[in-house]
Amino acid sequence: MSTVIITLKSGVDANELEKVKNDIRDQGGEITHESKLIKSIHAKFPTDKVHTLATNENWTVEADQEVRTQ
């Protein structure tokens, strides 16, 4: 499983977030965190299926990773 962050693109209706959540669950993923403020979802998702989420024009998908400052 890969941990990913899915964020809605600017100007996209917030209802798209529900579609993303349904896609995640339908393909065997698990939502671990949701932020309505920035319209994003953190999820554990089967590594071999991440590309199915990444091919949508309404949101971006990126790997969840540690962020460091100097």
C-alpha atoms as a PDB file:
ATOM      1  CA  MET A   1       0.000   0.000   0.000  1.00  0.00           C
ATOM      2  CA  SER A   2       1.127   3.537  -0.763  1.00  0.00           C
ATOM      3  CA  THR A   3       0.198   6.555   1.302  1.00  0.00           C
ATOM      4  CA  VAL A   4      -0.957   9.423  -0.907  1.00  0.00           C
ATOM      5  CA  ILE A   5      -2.389  12.913  -0.610  1.00  0.00           C
ATOM      6  CA  ILE A   6      -5.187  13.832  -2.996  1.00  0.00           C
ATOM      7  CA  THR A   7      -5.929  17.559  -3.298  1.00  0.00           C
ATOM      8  CA  LEU A   8      -8.709  19.179  -5.315  1.00  0.00           C
ATOM      9  CA  LYS A   9      -7.508  21.679  -7.878  1.00  0.00           C
ATOM     10  CA  SER A  10      -8.460  25.333  -7.517  1.00  0.00           C
ATOM     11  CA  GLY A  11     -11.991  26.138  -8.654  1.00  0.00           C
ATOM     12  CA  VAL A  12     -13.214  22.525  -8.515  1.00  0.00           C
ATOM     13  CA  ASP A  13     -16.532  21.960  -6.734  1.00  0.00           C
ATOM     14  CA  ALA A  14     -16.171  20.484  -3.230  1.00  0.00           C
ATOM     15  CA  ASN A  15     -18.567  17.680  -4.248  1.00  0.00           C
ATOM     16  CA  GLU A  16     -15.649  16.167  -6.172  1.00  0.00           C
ATOM     17  CA  LEU A  17     -14.153  15.264  -2.798  1.00  0.00           C
ATOM     18  CA  GLU A  18     -16.978  12.761  -2.301  1.00  0.00           C
ATOM     19  CA  LYS A  19     -16.228  11.222  -5.694  1.00  0.00           C
ATOM     20  CA  VAL A  20     -12.567  10.842  -4.725  1.00  0.00           C
ATOM     21  CA  LYS A  21     -13.511   9.163  -1.442  1.00  0.00           C
ATOM     22  CA  ASN A  22     -15.794   6.741  -3.275  1.00  0.00           C
ATOM     23  CA  ASP A  23     -13.060   5.946  -5.824  1.00  0.00           C
ATOM     24  CA  ILE A  24     -10.601   5.257  -3.012  1.00  0.00           C
ATOM     25  CA  ARG A  25     -12.946   2.895  -1.194  1.00  0.00           C
ATOM     26  CA  ASP A  26     -14.119   1.160  -4.390  1.00  0.00           C
ATOM     27  CA  GLN A  27     -10.536   0.311  -5.317  1.00  0.00           C
ATOM     28  CA  GLY A  28      -9.555  -1.069  -1.915  1.00  0.00           C
ATOM     29  CA  GLY A  29      -8.085   2.053  -0.340  1.00  0.00           C
ATOM     30  CA  GLU A  30      -8.544   3.484   3.134  1.00  0.00           C
ATOM     31  CA  ILE A  31      -9.000   7.176   3.998  1.00  0.00           C
ATOM     32  CA  THR A  32      -6.758   8.088   6.923  1.00  0.00           C
ATOM     33  CA  HIS A  33      -7.332  11.862   7.154  1.00  0.00           C
ATOM     34  CA  GLU A  34      -9.496  14.504   5.523  1.00  0.00           C
ATOM     35  CA  SER A  35      -9.010  18.263   5.485  1.00  0.00           C
ATOM     36  CA  LYS A  36     -12.016  20.248   4.338  1.00  0.00           C
ATOM     37  CA  LEU A  37     -10.126  23.527   4.728  1.00  0.00           C
ATOM     38  CA  ILE A  38      -7.735  22.747   1.875  1.00  0.00           C
ATOM     39  CA  LYS A  39      -9.976  20.104   0.283  1.00  0.00           C
ATOM     40  CA  SER A  40      -7.599  17.186   0.573  1.00  0.00           C
ATOM     41  CA  ILE A  41      -7.550  13.551   1.649  1.00  0.00           C
ATOM     42  CA  HIS A  42      -4.745  11.351   2.938  1.00  0.00           C
ATOM     43  CA  ALA A  43      -5.242   7.717   2.044  1.00  0.00           C
ATOM     44  CA  LYS A  44      -3.595   4.328   1.977  1.00  0.00           C
ATOM     45  CA  PHE A  45      -4.063   3.007  -1.525  1.00  0.00           C
ATOM     46  CA  PRO A  46      -2.911  -0.100  -3.408  1.00  0.00           C
ATOM     47  CA  THR A  47       0.392   0.825  -5.047  1.00  0.00           C
ATOM     48  CA  ASP A  48      -0.523  -0.818  -8.346  1.00  0.00           C
ATOM     49  CA  LYS A  49      -3.687   1.310  -8.617  1.00  0.00           C
ATOM     50  CA  VAL A  50      -2.382   4.795  -7.751  1.00  0.00           C
ATOM     51  CA  HIS A  51      -2.276   5.673 -11.460  1.00  0.00           C
ATOM     52  CA  THR A  52      -6.087   5.304 -11.623  1.00  0.00           C
ATOM     53  CA  LEU A  53      -6.461   8.231  -9.215  1.00  0.00           C
ATOM     54  CA  ALA A  54      -3.719  10.293 -10.834  1.00  0.00           C
ATOM     55  CA  THR A  55      -5.472  10.428 -14.213  1.00  0.00           C
ATOM     56  CA  ASN A  56      -8.256  12.783 -13.092  1.00  0.00           C
ATOM     57  CA  GLU A  57      -8.334  16.439 -14.182  1.00  0.00           C
ATOM     58  CA  ASN A  58     -10.053  17.634 -10.975  1.00  0.00           C
ATOM     59  CA  TRP A  59      -7.411  16.657  -8.425  1.00  0.00           C
ATOM     60  CA  THR A  60      -3.717  16.025  -7.936  1.00  0.00           C
ATOM     61  CA  VAL A  61      -2.147  12.969  -6.331  1.00  0.00           C
ATOM     62  CA  GLU A  62       1.227  12.947  -4.629  1.00  0.00           C
ATOM     63  CA  ALA A  63       3.116  10.597  -2.355  1.00  0.00           C
ATOM     64  CA  ASP A  64       2.806  11.410   1.347  1.00  0.00           C
ATOM     65  CA  GLN A  65       6.270  11.962   2.739  1.00  0.00           C
ATOM     66  CA  GLU A  66       8.081  13.647   5.581  1.00  0.00           C
ATOM     67  CA  VAL A  67       8.707  17.366   5.172  1.00  0.00           C
ATOM     68  CA  ARG A  68      11.842  18.840   6.708  1.00  0.00           C
ATOM     69  CA  THR A  69      13.066  22.357   7.278  1.00  0.00           C
ATOM     70  CA  GLN A  70      16.668  23.389   7.773  1.00  0.00           C
END
